[in-house]
Amino acid sequence: MKLTYHGHSVVTIAFDNGQKVLIDPFINGNDATDLKAETVTTDWVLITHGHSDHIGDMVDIAIRNEAPVISVVEVCQYATRKGVPKTHGMNIGGAYEFPFGKVTLVQAHHSSGIEEDGTTIYMGNPAGIIIQAEGKTIYHAGDTALFGDMALLGEQFDIDVAFLPIGDNFTMGPQDAATAAGLLQAKKAVPVHYNTFPLIKQDPQDFIKLLPAGVGKGLMIGESITI
């Protein structure tokens, strides 16, 4: 499968079976991406949590591609109200087998809500996403602080690639993210959620240098890895 980083927390996964998923499609309003919301294609849209820099262009992309949205129930309810015809609501600890592979939602220590017309809409619990497909396991942590139960995830799942936020201020910084990579026992750890805004400016090498040789993998925007 081919994993591509598109800036901020946007990741696409192209599976060998022809299926494609798009995670956290924050495109319009994001200067640090190589995608265009009006032309991006996908079969599925996965959302970690309901902040505007993660939901992003979910509605338009899902409608145009007839792509189901997979997320916690509250995000899916929001998507339905916005006209998305197909959603699959889940919750923390739940797993489901989709045509592209198995998705498990795991905890993330963060918040989740979006403001519209001066009112904050509650978007349920934030989540991390674990995808098991084609003999590989991918973990997208979403936005999260470091938490000790990452060690349990490392025991339960044989994680090939972990996408971990390093921006600090709103999420883990490089040091905590490096600790997380160790707890997760991830074979590869890719930094995300940094340098999009001044408050989360980071040098990804500060994260990579804290990891064992060969574990950290910084991806340029639009760069891919194949596993």
Foldseek 3Di string as FASTA:
>chain_A
DKWAFFAFQWIKDQDPVGAIEIFQPADVVFPRGPDDLVPDEHQAYEFQAAECSRCHSVQVRCQVRVHEYEYAPQVNVVSVVVPRPHYDHDDAQDWDADPAFIKHWHAAAAAHWYDDPNDTDHRDGGTWIWGQGPNAIEIEGHAHEQDQCLLVQLVVDQHAEYEAEQQPPRHHHLVSRLVSCVSNVYQAYEYHRADRDPSRHDDCVSNVVSHPPNHYDYARRGDMDDD
